[in-house]
Amino acid sequence: MRLINEYEDEFVLLQGFQEGESSALKYFYDIHYHALWNYARNLIEDDLQAEDIVMESFLKIWDR
């Protein structure tokens, strides 16, 4: 039963993200940042550039 509530919560957060709610952006940023940073870091082997790539990616998504 708990998994259903988690999925429902994420669905609500996704809707909020699409509607421009900053708390939803923060949620998705917090749960995906580290994995995305690791992926970018492995591609370019530069910590600061990897951070910039992740931040810019989230900004572009947010602007759309």
PDB file of N, CA and C in Angstrom:
ATOM      1  N   MET A   1       0.819  -1.192   0.000  1.00  0.00           N
ATOM      2  CA  MET A   1       0.000   0.000   0.000  1.00  0.00           C
ATOM      3  C   MET A   1       0.864   1.258   0.000  1.00  0.00           C
ATOM      4  N   ARG A   2       1.985   1.199   0.654  1.00  0.00           N
ATOM      5  CA  ARG A   2       2.867   2.369   0.732  1.00  0.00           C
ATOM      6  C   ARG A   2       3.392   2.776  -0.646  1.00  0.00           C
ATOM      7  N   LEU A   3       3.699   1.787  -1.508  1.00  0.00           N
ATOM      8  CA  LEU A   3       4.217   2.115  -2.833  1.00  0.00           C
ATOM      9  C   LEU A   3       3.216   2.909  -3.654  1.00  0.00           C
ATOM     10  N   ILE A   4       1.956   2.591  -3.529  1.00  0.00           N
ATOM     11  CA  ILE A   4       0.935   3.330  -4.266  1.00  0.00           C
ATOM     12  C   ILE A   4       0.952   4.792  -3.853  1.00  0.00           C
ATOM     13  N   ASN A   5       1.046   5.071  -2.570  1.00  0.00           N
ATOM     14  CA  ASN A   5       1.082   6.445  -2.100  1.00  0.00           C
ATOM     15  C   ASN A   5       2.315   7.181  -2.615  1.00  0.00           C
ATOM     16  N   GLU A   6       3.459   6.502  -2.662  1.00  0.00           N
ATOM     17  CA  GLU A   6       4.667   7.139  -3.174  1.00  0.00           C
ATOM     18  C   GLU A   6       4.497   7.493  -4.644  1.00  0.00           C
ATOM     19  N   TYR A   7       3.919   6.585  -5.433  1.00  0.00           N
ATOM     20  CA  TYR A   7       3.701   6.864  -6.842  1.00  0.00           C
ATOM     21  C   TYR A   7       2.701   8.000  -7.023  1.00  0.00           C
ATOM     22  N   GLU A   8       1.664   8.010  -6.214  1.00  0.00           N
ATOM     23  CA  GLU A   8       0.681   9.084  -6.296  1.00  0.00           C
ATOM     24  C   GLU A   8       1.333  10.415  -5.939  1.00  0.00           C
ATOM     25  N   ASP A   9       2.176  10.416  -4.910  1.00  0.00           N
ATOM     26  CA  ASP A   9       2.871  11.636  -4.519  1.00  0.00           C
ATOM     27  C   ASP A   9       3.765  12.139  -5.646  1.00  0.00           C
ATOM     28  N   GLU A  10       4.495  11.232  -6.292  1.00  0.00           N
ATOM     29  CA  GLU A  10       5.358  11.647  -7.390  1.00  0.00           C
ATOM     30  C   GLU A  10       4.543  12.148  -8.577  1.00  0.00           C
ATOM     31  N   PHE A  11       3.400  11.560  -8.811  1.00  0.00           N
ATOM     32  CA  PHE A  11       2.542  12.038  -9.896  1.00  0.00           C
ATOM     33  C   PHE A  11       2.088  13.463  -9.604  1.00  0.00           C
ATOM     34  N   VAL A  12       1.704  13.726  -8.368  1.00  0.00           N
ATOM     35  CA  VAL A  12       1.291  15.076  -7.971  1.00  0.00           C
ATOM     36  C   VAL A  12       2.464  16.044  -8.111  1.00  0.00           C
ATOM     37  N   LEU A  13       3.643  15.612  -7.702  1.00  0.00           N
ATOM     38  CA  LEU A  13       4.825  16.459  -7.837  1.00  0.00           C
ATOM     39  C   LEU A  13       5.152  16.729  -9.304  1.00  0.00           C
ATOM     40  N   LEU A  14       5.006  15.736 -10.152  1.00  0.00           N
ATOM     41  CA  LEU A  14       5.252  15.928 -11.580  1.00  0.00           C
ATOM     42  C   LEU A  14       4.268  16.935 -12.158  1.00  0.00           C
ATOM     43  N   GLN A  15       3.017  16.827 -11.770  1.00  0.00           N
ATOM     44  CA  GLN A  15       2.033  17.815 -12.217  1.00  0.00           C
ATOM     45  C   GLN A  15       2.418  19.207 -11.733  1.00  0.00           C
ATOM     46  N   GLY A  16       2.848  19.304 -10.473  1.00  0.00           N
ATOM     47  CA  GLY A  16       3.287  20.574  -9.927  1.00  0.00           C
ATOM     48  C   GLY A  16       4.485  21.129 -10.669  1.00  0.00           C
ATOM     49  N   PHE A  17       5.408  20.263 -11.024  1.00  0.00           N
ATOM     50  CA  PHE A  17       6.582  20.678 -11.794  1.00  0.00           C
ATOM     51  C   PHE A  17       6.152  21.274 -13.126  1.00  0.00           C
ATOM     52  N   GLN A  18       5.226  20.603 -13.790  1.00  0.00           N
ATOM     53  CA  GLN A  18       4.730  21.081 -15.085  1.00  0.00           C
ATOM     54  C   GLN A  18       3.989  22.406 -14.955  1.00  0.00           C
ATOM     55  N   GLU A  19       3.446  22.665 -13.786  1.00  0.00           N
ATOM     56  CA  GLU A  19       2.721  23.913 -13.557  1.00  0.00           C
ATOM     57  C   GLU A  19       3.609  25.012 -12.981  1.00  0.00           C
ATOM     58  N   GLY A  20       4.895  24.709 -12.799  1.00  0.00           N
ATOM     59  CA  GLY A  20       5.830  25.727 -12.360  1.00  0.00           C
ATOM     60  C   GLY A  20       6.005  25.864 -10.860  1.00  0.00           C
ATOM     61  N   GLU A  21       5.675  24.850 -10.103  1.00  0.00           N
ATOM     62  CA  GLU A  21       5.837  24.918  -8.653  1.00  0.00           C
ATOM     63  C   GLU A  21       7.299  24.661  -8.283  1.00  0.00           C
ATOM     64  N   SER A  22       7.903  25.615  -7.616  1.00  0.00           N
ATOM     65  CA  SER A  22       9.323  25.510  -7.285  1.00  0.00           C
ATOM     66  C   SER A  22       9.608  24.369  -6.306  1.00  0.00           C
ATOM     67  N   SER A  23       8.665  24.032  -5.446  1.00  0.00           N
ATOM     68  CA  SER A  23       8.892  22.923  -4.513  1.00  0.00           C
ATOM     69  C   SER A  23       9.013  21.602  -5.269  1.00  0.00           C
ATOM     70  N   ALA A  24       8.285  21.463  -6.363  1.00  0.00           N
ATOM     71  CA  ALA A  24       8.393  20.257  -7.181  1.00  0.00           C
ATOM     72  C   ALA A  24       9.746  20.214  -7.888  1.00  0.00           C
ATOM     73  N   LEU A  25      10.214  21.351  -8.378  1.00  0.00           N
ATOM     74  CA  LEU A  25      11.545  21.416  -8.984  1.00  0.00           C
ATOM     75  C   LEU A  25      12.593  20.987  -7.973  1.00  0.00           C
ATOM     76  N   LYS A  26      12.508  21.499  -6.762  1.00  0.00           N
ATOM     77  CA  LYS A  26      13.472  21.155  -5.713  1.00  0.00           C
ATOM     78  C   LYS A  26      13.447  19.650  -5.437  1.00  0.00           C
ATOM     79  N   TYR A  27      12.269  19.066  -5.395  1.00  0.00           N
ATOM     80  CA  TYR A  27      12.150  17.628  -5.142  1.00  0.00           C
ATOM     81  C   TYR A  27      12.897  16.832  -6.217  1.00  0.00           C
ATOM     82  N   PHE A  28      12.611  17.107  -7.484  1.00  0.00           N
ATOM     83  CA  PHE A  28      13.239  16.353  -8.564  1.00  0.00           C
ATOM     84  C   PHE A  28      14.739  16.644  -8.651  1.00  0.00           C
ATOM     85  N   TYR A  29      15.120  17.879  -8.381  1.00  0.00           N
ATOM     86  CA  TYR A  29      16.531  18.225  -8.361  1.00  0.00           C
ATOM     87  C   TYR A  29      17.251  17.419  -7.277  1.00  0.00           C
ATOM     88  N   ASP A  30      16.674  17.411  -6.090  1.00  0.00           N
ATOM     89  CA  ASP A  30      17.303  16.720  -4.961  1.00  0.00           C
ATOM     90  C   ASP A  30      17.461  15.215  -5.202  1.00  0.00           C
ATOM     91  N   ILE A  31      16.467  14.585  -5.806  1.00  0.00           N
ATOM     92  CA  ILE A  31      16.565  13.133  -5.971  1.00  0.00           C
ATOM     93  C   ILE A  31      17.379  12.718  -7.200  1.00  0.00           C
ATOM     94  N   HIS A  32      17.556  13.622  -8.172  1.00  0.00           N
ATOM     95  CA  HIS A  32      18.262  13.240  -9.405  1.00  0.00           C
ATOM     96  C   HIS A  32      19.633  13.887  -9.566  1.00  0.00           C
ATOM     97  N   TYR A  33      19.930  14.903  -8.778  1.00  0.00           N
ATOM     98  CA  TYR A  33      21.175  15.643  -8.970  1.00  0.00           C
ATOM     99  C   TYR A  33      22.407  14.741  -8.930  1.00  0.00           C
ATOM    100  N   HIS A  34      22.539  13.948  -7.894  1.00  0.00           N
ATOM    101  CA  HIS A  34      23.762  13.164  -7.722  1.00  0.00           C
ATOM    102  C   HIS A  34      23.992  12.194  -8.884  1.00  0.00           C
ATOM    103  N   ALA A  35      22.957  11.506  -9.303  1.00  0.00           N
ATOM    104  CA  ALA A  35      23.103  10.552 -10.414  1.00  0.00           C
ATOM    105  C   ALA A  35      23.462  11.276 -11.708  1.00  0.00           C
ATOM    106  N   LEU A  36      22.829  12.417 -11.958  1.00  0.00           N
ATOM    107  CA  LEU A  36      23.137  13.179 -13.167  1.00  0.00           C
ATOM    108  C   LEU A  36      24.542  13.760 -13.115  1.00  0.00           C
ATOM    109  N   TRP A  37      24.939  14.230 -11.940  1.00  0.00           N
ATOM    110  CA  TRP A  37      26.290  14.760 -11.787  1.00  0.00           C
ATOM    111  C   TRP A  37      27.320  13.662 -12.045  1.00  0.00           C
ATOM    112  N   ASN A  38      27.101  12.471 -11.490  1.00  0.00           N
ATOM    113  CA  ASN A  38      28.025  11.350 -11.723  1.00  0.00           C
ATOM    114  C   ASN A  38      28.125  11.015 -13.204  1.00  0.00           C
ATOM    115  N   TYR A  39      26.995  11.011 -13.883  1.00  0.00           N
ATOM    116  CA  TYR A  39      26.989  10.701 -15.314  1.00  0.00           C
ATOM    117  C   TYR A  39      27.798  11.744 -16.092  1.00  0.00           C
ATOM    118  N   ALA A  40      27.518  13.012 -15.823  1.00  0.00           N
ATOM    119  CA  ALA A  40      28.251  14.086 -16.506  1.00  0.00           C
ATOM    120  C   ALA A  40      29.730  14.036 -16.141  1.00  0.00           C
ATOM    121  N   ARG A  41      30.026  13.781 -14.901  1.00  0.00           N
ATOM    122  CA  ARG A  41      31.423  13.731 -14.427  1.00  0.00           C
ATOM    123  C   ARG A  41      32.195  12.626 -15.126  1.00  0.00           C
ATOM    124  N   ASN A  42      31.549  11.496 -15.345  1.00  0.00           N
ATOM    125  CA  ASN A  42      32.211  10.396 -16.047  1.00  0.00           C
ATOM    126  C   ASN A  42      32.473  10.726 -17.511  1.00  0.00           C
ATOM    127  N   LEU A  43      31.634  11.550 -18.105  1.00  0.00           N
ATOM    128  CA  LEU A  43      31.818  11.921 -19.514  1.00  0.00           C
ATOM    129  C   LEU A  43      32.918  12.949 -19.704  1.00  0.00           C
ATOM    130  N   ILE A  44      32.963  13.943 -18.824  1.00  0.00           N
ATOM    131  CA  ILE A  44      33.888  15.056 -19.057  1.00  0.00           C
ATOM    132  C   ILE A  44      35.048  15.129 -18.079  1.00  0.00           C
ATOM    133  N   GLU A  45      34.991  14.354 -17.002  1.00  0.00           N
ATOM    134  CA  GLU A  45      36.065  14.286 -16.011  1.00  0.00           C
ATOM    135  C   GLU A  45      36.448  15.644 -15.428  1.00  0.00           C
ATOM    136  N   ASP A  46      35.443  16.466 -15.149  1.00  0.00           N
ATOM    137  CA  ASP A  46      35.666  17.769 -14.513  1.00  0.00           C
ATOM    138  C   ASP A  46      34.494  18.041 -13.574  1.00  0.00           C
ATOM    139  N   ASP A  47      34.776  18.138 -12.279  1.00  0.00           N
ATOM    140  CA  ASP A  47      33.723  18.287 -11.276  1.00  0.00           C
ATOM    141  C   ASP A  47      32.869  19.539 -11.487  1.00  0.00           C
ATOM    142  N   LEU A  48      33.518  20.672 -11.686  1.00  0.00           N
ATOM    143  CA  LEU A  48      32.778  21.931 -11.815  1.00  0.00           C
ATOM    144  C   LEU A  48      31.963  21.995 -13.096  1.00  0.00           C
ATOM    145  N   GLN A  49      32.525  21.509 -14.179  1.00  0.00           N
ATOM    146  CA  GLN A  49      31.762  21.497 -15.428  1.00  0.00           C
ATOM    147  C   GLN A  49      30.576  20.535 -15.333  1.00  0.00           C
ATOM    148  N   ALA A  50      30.765  19.420 -14.651  1.00  0.00           N
ATOM    149  CA  ALA A  50      29.662  18.478 -14.460  1.00  0.00           C
ATOM    150  C   ALA A  50      28.541  19.149 -13.671  1.00  0.00           C
ATOM    151  N   GLU A  51      28.898  19.883 -12.638  1.00  0.00           N
ATOM    152  CA  GLU A  51      27.895  20.609 -11.858  1.00  0.00           C
ATOM    153  C   GLU A  51      27.169  21.638 -12.728  1.00  0.00           C
ATOM    154  N   ASP A  52      27.914  22.373 -13.539  1.00  0.00           N
ATOM    155  CA  ASP A  52      27.301  23.358 -14.437  1.00  0.00           C
ATOM    156  C   ASP A  52      26.343  22.702 -15.427  1.00  0.00           C
ATOM    157  N   ILE A  53      26.733  21.568 -15.954  1.00  0.00           N
ATOM    158  CA  ILE A  53      25.877  20.862 -16.915  1.00  0.00           C
ATOM    159  C   ILE A  53      24.548  20.470 -16.273  1.00  0.00           C
ATOM    160  N   VAL A  54      24.619  19.928 -15.080  1.00  0.00           N
ATOM    161  CA  VAL A  54      23.397  19.510 -14.385  1.00  0.00           C
ATOM    162  C   VAL A  54      22.522  20.727 -14.078  1.00  0.00           C
ATOM    163  N   MET A  55      23.130  21.788 -13.568  1.00  0.00           N
ATOM    164  CA  MET A  55      22.360  22.998 -13.240  1.00  0.00           C
ATOM    165  C   MET A  55      21.712  23.583 -14.494  1.00  0.00           C
ATOM    166  N   GLU A  56      22.472  23.695 -15.570  1.00  0.00           N
ATOM    167  CA  GLU A  56      21.936  24.240 -16.815  1.00  0.00           C
ATOM    168  C   GLU A  56      20.817  23.364 -17.365  1.00  0.00           C
ATOM    169  N   SER A  57      20.970  22.066 -17.229  1.00  0.00           N
ATOM    170  CA  SER A  57      19.926  21.150 -17.709  1.00  0.00           C
ATOM    171  C   SER A  57      18.618  21.378 -16.952  1.00  0.00           C
ATOM    172  N   PHE A  58      18.706  21.484 -15.636  1.00  0.00           N
ATOM    173  CA  PHE A  58      17.499  21.739 -14.845  1.00  0.00           C
ATOM    174  C   PHE A  58      16.906  23.107 -15.175  1.00  0.00           C
ATOM    175  N   LEU A  59      17.739  24.098 -15.374  1.00  0.00           N
ATOM    176  CA  LEU A  59      17.233  25.429 -15.739  1.00  0.00           C
ATOM    177  C   LEU A  59      16.501  25.410 -17.079  1.00  0.00           C
ATOM    178  N   LYS A  60      17.059  24.703 -18.045  1.00  0.00           N
ATOM    179  CA  LYS A  60      16.408  24.607 -19.355  1.00  0.00           C
ATOM    180  C   LYS A  60      15.059  23.908 -19.261  1.00  0.00           C
ATOM    181  N   ILE A  61      15.023  22.831 -18.484  1.00  0.00           N
ATOM    182  CA  ILE A  61      13.754  22.127 -18.301  1.00  0.00           C
ATOM    183  C   ILE A  61      12.739  23.040 -17.613  1.00  0.00           C
ATOM    184  N   TRP A  62      13.203  23.750 -16.601  1.00  0.00           N
ATOM    185  CA  TRP A  62      12.319  24.640 -15.829  1.00  0.00           C
ATOM    186  C   TRP A  62      11.759  25.750 -16.722  1.00  0.00           C
ATOM    187  N   ASP A  63      12.596  26.307 -17.596  1.00  0.00           N
ATOM    188  CA  ASP A  63      12.164  27.394 -18.476  1.00  0.00           C
ATOM    189  C   ASP A  63      11.118  26.938 -19.483  1.00  0.00           C
ATOM    190  N   ARG A  64      11.161  25.676 -19.857  1.00  0.00           N
ATOM    191  CA  ARG A  64      10.207  25.157 -20.845  1.00  0.00           C
ATOM    192  C   ARG A  64       8.911  24.832 -20.158  1.00  0.00           C
TER     193      ARG A  64
END
